[in-house]
N, C-alpha and C. Protein backbone atom coordinates (compact mmCIF):
# COMPACT_ATOMS: atom_id res chain seq x y z
N MET A 1 18.75 33.77 10.60
CA MET A 1 18.44 32.40 10.26
C MET A 1 16.96 32.25 9.90
N ILE A 2 16.08 32.77 10.78
CA ILE A 2 14.64 32.68 10.52
C ILE A 2 14.27 33.53 9.32
N ALA A 3 14.89 34.68 9.18
CA ALA A 3 14.61 35.55 8.04
C ALA A 3 14.96 34.86 6.73
N ALA A 4 16.04 34.09 6.71
CA ALA A 4 16.43 33.36 5.50
C ALA A 4 15.41 32.29 5.16
N LEU A 5 14.88 31.61 6.17
CA LEU A 5 13.86 30.58 5.92
C LEU A 5 12.56 31.20 5.42
N VAL A 6 12.21 32.35 6.00
CA VAL A 6 10.99 33.03 5.56
C VAL A 6 11.16 33.52 4.13
N GLN A 7 12.33 34.08 3.81
CA GLN A 7 12.58 34.57 2.45
C GLN A 7 12.52 33.41 1.46
N GLU A 8 13.07 32.23 1.83
CA GLU A 8 13.04 31.06 0.95
C GLU A 8 11.61 30.57 0.73
N ALA A 9 10.78 30.64 1.78
CA ALA A 9 9.40 30.21 1.67
C ALA A 9 8.56 31.16 0.82
N ILE A 10 8.96 32.43 0.77
CA ILE A 10 8.20 33.44 0.03
C ILE A 10 8.50 33.39 -1.47
N GLU A 11 9.66 32.88 -1.86
CA GLU A 11 10.01 32.86 -3.28
C GLU A 11 8.96 32.10 -4.09
N PRO A 12 8.56 32.65 -5.23
CA PRO A 12 7.51 32.02 -6.02
C PRO A 12 8.02 30.74 -6.70
N PHE A 13 7.07 29.88 -6.97
CA PHE A 13 7.39 28.64 -7.67
C PHE A 13 7.44 28.92 -9.16
N SER A 14 8.30 28.21 -9.84
CA SER A 14 8.33 28.33 -11.30
C SER A 14 7.32 27.36 -11.89
N VAL A 15 7.00 27.56 -13.14
CA VAL A 15 6.05 26.70 -13.84
C VAL A 15 6.59 25.28 -13.91
N SER A 16 7.88 25.14 -14.13
CA SER A 16 8.46 23.80 -14.22
C SER A 16 8.38 23.06 -12.89
N ASP A 17 8.52 23.78 -11.77
CA ASP A 17 8.37 23.15 -10.46
C ASP A 17 6.96 22.60 -10.28
N VAL A 18 5.99 23.39 -10.67
CA VAL A 18 4.59 22.98 -10.54
C VAL A 18 4.31 21.78 -11.43
N LEU A 19 4.82 21.78 -12.65
CA LEU A 19 4.61 20.66 -13.57
C LEU A 19 5.27 19.38 -13.07
N VAL A 20 6.47 19.49 -12.56
CA VAL A 20 7.17 18.31 -12.02
C VAL A 20 6.40 17.73 -10.84
N GLU A 21 5.98 18.58 -9.94
CA GLU A 21 5.23 18.10 -8.77
C GLU A 21 3.88 17.51 -9.18
N SER A 22 3.25 18.07 -10.18
CA SER A 22 1.97 17.53 -10.66
C SER A 22 2.16 16.14 -11.24
N VAL A 23 3.22 15.93 -12.00
CA VAL A 23 3.50 14.61 -12.57
C VAL A 23 3.78 13.60 -11.46
N VAL A 24 4.52 14.01 -10.44
CA VAL A 24 4.82 13.11 -9.31
C VAL A 24 3.53 12.72 -8.60
N VAL A 25 2.66 13.68 -8.34
CA VAL A 25 1.40 13.38 -7.66
C VAL A 25 0.54 12.44 -8.51
N LEU A 26 0.44 12.70 -9.81
CA LEU A 26 -0.34 11.82 -10.68
C LEU A 26 0.23 10.41 -10.71
N PHE A 27 1.54 10.29 -10.73
CA PHE A 27 2.19 8.98 -10.71
C PHE A 27 1.88 8.24 -9.41
N LEU A 28 1.89 8.95 -8.30
CA LEU A 28 1.61 8.34 -7.00
C LEU A 28 0.14 7.99 -6.82
N LEU A 29 -0.75 8.58 -7.61
CA LEU A 29 -2.18 8.27 -7.54
C LEU A 29 -2.55 7.00 -8.31
N ILE A 30 -1.66 6.48 -9.14
CA ILE A 30 -1.97 5.30 -9.95
C ILE A 30 -2.34 4.09 -9.08
N PRO A 31 -1.55 3.72 -8.08
CA PRO A 31 -1.92 2.53 -7.29
C PRO A 31 -3.27 2.65 -6.58
N ILE A 32 -3.54 3.78 -5.96
CA ILE A 32 -4.80 3.94 -5.25
C ILE A 32 -5.96 4.01 -6.23
N SER A 33 -5.74 4.59 -7.41
CA SER A 33 -6.79 4.66 -8.42
C SER A 33 -7.15 3.27 -8.93
N LEU A 34 -6.14 2.44 -9.18
CA LEU A 34 -6.39 1.06 -9.60
C LEU A 34 -7.15 0.29 -8.53
N SER A 35 -6.76 0.48 -7.29
CA SER A 35 -7.43 -0.23 -6.19
C SER A 35 -8.88 0.22 -6.04
N ILE A 36 -9.12 1.51 -6.15
CA ILE A 36 -10.50 2.02 -6.06
C ILE A 36 -11.34 1.49 -7.21
N TRP A 37 -10.78 1.49 -8.42
CA TRP A 37 -11.50 0.98 -9.59
C TRP A 37 -11.84 -0.50 -9.39
N ALA A 38 -10.86 -1.30 -8.97
CA ALA A 38 -11.09 -2.73 -8.76
C ALA A 38 -12.12 -2.96 -7.65
N PHE A 39 -12.02 -2.22 -6.56
CA PHE A 39 -12.96 -2.38 -5.45
C PHE A 39 -14.38 -2.03 -5.87
N LEU A 40 -14.55 -0.90 -6.53
CA LEU A 40 -15.89 -0.49 -6.96
C LEU A 40 -16.47 -1.45 -7.99
N ASP A 41 -15.63 -1.98 -8.86
CA ASP A 41 -16.12 -2.95 -9.84
C ASP A 41 -16.55 -4.25 -9.14
N ALA A 42 -15.78 -4.69 -8.15
CA ALA A 42 -16.12 -5.92 -7.43
C ALA A 42 -17.42 -5.75 -6.64
N VAL A 43 -17.62 -4.58 -6.06
CA VAL A 43 -18.86 -4.32 -5.32
C VAL A 43 -20.04 -4.23 -6.26
N HIS A 44 -19.82 -3.70 -7.44
CA HIS A 44 -20.88 -3.47 -8.42
C HIS A 44 -21.45 -4.78 -9.00
N ARG A 45 -20.64 -5.82 -9.10
CA ARG A 45 -21.09 -7.07 -9.72
C ARG A 45 -22.19 -7.73 -8.89
N PRO A 46 -23.26 -8.21 -9.54
CA PRO A 46 -24.35 -8.85 -8.80
C PRO A 46 -23.89 -10.12 -8.08
N ARG A 47 -24.60 -10.47 -7.03
CA ARG A 47 -24.24 -11.66 -6.25
C ARG A 47 -24.35 -12.93 -7.07
N TRP A 48 -25.33 -12.99 -7.97
CA TRP A 48 -25.50 -14.23 -8.74
C TRP A 48 -24.31 -14.47 -9.67
N VAL A 49 -23.66 -13.40 -10.12
CA VAL A 49 -22.48 -13.56 -10.97
C VAL A 49 -21.35 -14.16 -10.15
N TRP A 50 -21.16 -13.66 -8.95
CA TRP A 50 -20.13 -14.21 -8.07
C TRP A 50 -20.45 -15.66 -7.71
N ALA A 51 -21.74 -15.95 -7.50
CA ALA A 51 -22.14 -17.31 -7.13
C ALA A 51 -21.87 -18.30 -8.26
N MET A 52 -22.01 -17.85 -9.50
CA MET A 52 -21.78 -18.75 -10.64
C MET A 52 -20.30 -18.89 -10.99
N SER A 53 -19.49 -18.00 -10.50
CA SER A 53 -18.05 -18.10 -10.75
C SER A 53 -17.40 -18.91 -9.63
N ASP A 54 -16.17 -19.25 -9.80
CA ASP A 54 -15.43 -19.94 -8.74
C ASP A 54 -14.78 -18.95 -7.78
N ARG A 55 -15.13 -17.71 -7.87
CA ARG A 55 -14.54 -16.64 -7.05
C ARG A 55 -15.47 -16.27 -5.91
N ARG A 56 -14.92 -15.70 -4.87
CA ARG A 56 -15.69 -15.22 -3.73
C ARG A 56 -15.52 -13.71 -3.62
N GLN A 57 -16.65 -13.02 -3.62
CA GLN A 57 -16.63 -11.55 -3.62
C GLN A 57 -15.94 -11.01 -2.38
N LEU A 58 -16.27 -11.52 -1.21
CA LEU A 58 -15.70 -11.00 0.03
C LEU A 58 -14.17 -11.17 0.04
N VAL A 59 -13.70 -12.30 -0.44
CA VAL A 59 -12.25 -12.54 -0.47
C VAL A 59 -11.57 -11.51 -1.36
N TRP A 60 -12.13 -11.25 -2.53
CA TRP A 60 -11.53 -10.27 -3.43
C TRP A 60 -11.59 -8.86 -2.87
N LEU A 61 -12.69 -8.52 -2.22
CA LEU A 61 -12.79 -7.19 -1.62
C LEU A 61 -11.74 -7.00 -0.52
N VAL A 62 -11.56 -8.01 0.31
CA VAL A 62 -10.56 -7.92 1.38
C VAL A 62 -9.16 -7.85 0.79
N MET A 63 -8.89 -8.67 -0.24
CA MET A 63 -7.55 -8.65 -0.85
C MET A 63 -7.26 -7.28 -1.47
N ILE A 64 -8.24 -6.67 -2.10
CA ILE A 64 -8.04 -5.35 -2.71
C ILE A 64 -7.79 -4.31 -1.62
N ILE A 65 -8.57 -4.36 -0.55
CA ILE A 65 -8.38 -3.40 0.54
C ILE A 65 -7.02 -3.59 1.20
N MET A 66 -6.64 -4.83 1.47
CA MET A 66 -5.34 -5.09 2.08
C MET A 66 -4.20 -4.70 1.13
N GLY A 67 -4.44 -4.81 -0.16
CA GLY A 67 -3.44 -4.42 -1.13
C GLY A 67 -3.14 -2.93 -1.12
N VAL A 68 -4.11 -2.13 -0.68
CA VAL A 68 -3.89 -0.69 -0.60
C VAL A 68 -2.79 -0.38 0.42
N ILE A 69 -2.71 -1.19 1.45
CA ILE A 69 -1.71 -0.95 2.50
C ILE A 69 -0.30 -1.14 1.94
N THR A 70 -0.10 -2.18 1.16
CA THR A 70 1.20 -2.41 0.53
C THR A 70 1.05 -2.08 -0.94
N MET A 71 1.67 -1.04 -1.37
CA MET A 71 1.44 -0.49 -2.71
C MET A 71 1.71 -1.51 -3.82
N ILE A 72 2.81 -2.23 -3.76
CA ILE A 72 3.16 -3.17 -4.82
C ILE A 72 2.14 -4.30 -4.88
N LEU A 73 1.79 -4.87 -3.71
CA LEU A 73 0.79 -5.93 -3.66
C LEU A 73 -0.56 -5.41 -4.16
N GLY A 74 -0.89 -4.19 -3.82
CA GLY A 74 -2.14 -3.59 -4.27
C GLY A 74 -2.21 -3.48 -5.78
N ILE A 75 -1.11 -3.09 -6.39
CA ILE A 75 -1.07 -3.00 -7.86
C ILE A 75 -1.25 -4.39 -8.46
N ILE A 76 -0.55 -5.38 -7.93
CA ILE A 76 -0.63 -6.74 -8.47
C ILE A 76 -2.04 -7.30 -8.33
N VAL A 77 -2.63 -7.20 -7.15
CA VAL A 77 -3.98 -7.73 -6.91
C VAL A 77 -5.00 -7.00 -7.77
N SER A 78 -4.93 -5.68 -7.81
CA SER A 78 -5.90 -4.91 -8.58
C SER A 78 -5.80 -5.17 -10.07
N VAL A 79 -4.59 -5.24 -10.59
CA VAL A 79 -4.42 -5.51 -12.02
C VAL A 79 -4.90 -6.92 -12.35
N PHE A 80 -4.58 -7.90 -11.49
CA PHE A 80 -5.05 -9.27 -11.73
C PHE A 80 -6.58 -9.32 -11.73
N TYR A 81 -7.20 -8.64 -10.76
CA TYR A 81 -8.65 -8.60 -10.73
C TYR A 81 -9.21 -7.96 -12.00
N LEU A 82 -8.68 -6.80 -12.36
CA LEU A 82 -9.22 -6.07 -13.51
C LEU A 82 -9.00 -6.78 -14.83
N VAL A 83 -7.91 -7.52 -14.96
CA VAL A 83 -7.59 -8.18 -16.23
C VAL A 83 -8.23 -9.57 -16.31
N MET A 84 -8.15 -10.35 -15.25
CA MET A 84 -8.60 -11.74 -15.31
C MET A 84 -10.00 -11.95 -14.72
N VAL A 85 -10.17 -11.61 -13.48
CA VAL A 85 -11.41 -11.90 -12.77
C VAL A 85 -12.56 -11.07 -13.33
N ARG A 86 -12.32 -9.82 -13.59
CA ARG A 86 -13.37 -8.94 -14.12
C ARG A 86 -13.87 -9.46 -15.46
N ARG A 87 -12.96 -9.91 -16.30
CA ARG A 87 -13.34 -10.45 -17.61
C ARG A 87 -14.25 -11.68 -17.43
N GLU A 88 -13.89 -12.54 -16.50
CA GLU A 88 -14.69 -13.74 -16.24
C GLU A 88 -16.08 -13.36 -15.71
N LEU A 89 -16.13 -12.45 -14.77
CA LEU A 89 -17.41 -12.03 -14.19
C LEU A 89 -18.29 -11.34 -15.23
N ARG A 90 -17.69 -10.49 -16.04
CA ARG A 90 -18.44 -9.80 -17.09
C ARG A 90 -19.00 -10.79 -18.10
N SER A 91 -18.21 -11.82 -18.41
CA SER A 91 -18.64 -12.84 -19.35
C SER A 91 -19.86 -13.60 -18.81
N ILE A 92 -19.81 -13.96 -17.53
CA ILE A 92 -20.94 -14.64 -16.91
C ILE A 92 -22.15 -13.73 -16.88
N GLU A 93 -21.94 -12.46 -16.54
CA GLU A 93 -23.04 -11.50 -16.46
C GLU A 93 -23.71 -11.30 -17.82
N ASN A 94 -22.95 -11.41 -18.89
CA ASN A 94 -23.49 -11.25 -20.24
C ASN A 94 -24.10 -12.53 -20.79
N GLY A 95 -24.10 -13.61 -19.98
CA GLY A 95 -24.76 -14.84 -20.39
C GLY A 95 -23.87 -15.85 -21.07
N ASN A 96 -22.58 -15.63 -21.10
CA ASN A 96 -21.65 -16.57 -21.72
C ASN A 96 -21.37 -17.69 -20.73
N MET A 97 -21.91 -18.87 -21.01
CA MET A 97 -21.75 -20.00 -20.11
C MET A 97 -20.71 -20.99 -20.61
N ASP A 98 -19.82 -20.57 -21.50
CA ASP A 98 -18.78 -21.44 -22.03
C ASP A 98 -17.86 -21.94 -20.93
N LEU A 99 -17.77 -21.20 -19.85
CA LEU A 99 -16.92 -21.60 -18.73
C LEU A 99 -17.43 -22.86 -18.05
N PHE A 100 -18.73 -23.15 -18.22
CA PHE A 100 -19.35 -24.25 -17.49
C PHE A 100 -19.56 -25.49 -18.35
N THR A 101 -19.26 -25.40 -19.64
CA THR A 101 -19.43 -26.56 -20.51
C THR A 101 -18.13 -27.33 -20.60
N SER A 102 -18.23 -28.64 -20.63
CA SER A 102 -17.02 -29.46 -20.73
C SER A 102 -16.54 -29.48 -22.17
N PRO A 103 -15.23 -29.55 -22.41
CA PRO A 103 -14.69 -29.48 -23.76
C PRO A 103 -15.00 -30.74 -24.59
N GLY A 104 -15.37 -31.84 -24.00
CA GLY A 104 -15.56 -33.06 -24.76
C GLY A 104 -16.91 -33.52 -24.75
């Protein structure tokens, strides 16, 4: 019994096995990579940018960190931050004050 398990463990991996496992690992790294990107971007933004926006940096940092615990929520929060909030913060940082002018 033990000899059969040892023999099975000794058998070499095929190239296709390695490729399949590599694709699985890369796929599983997507949520944590998005969360790390969103977290580092939120930390990187200056305080004055956050102060001029209607967003709170600490709240977003906590939401991103908590999102890591639940993978689906983490993807949703991180993608929303990267697509919507990041664009707004970058716009303010670049001097675009259109967000603060009234339309009429």
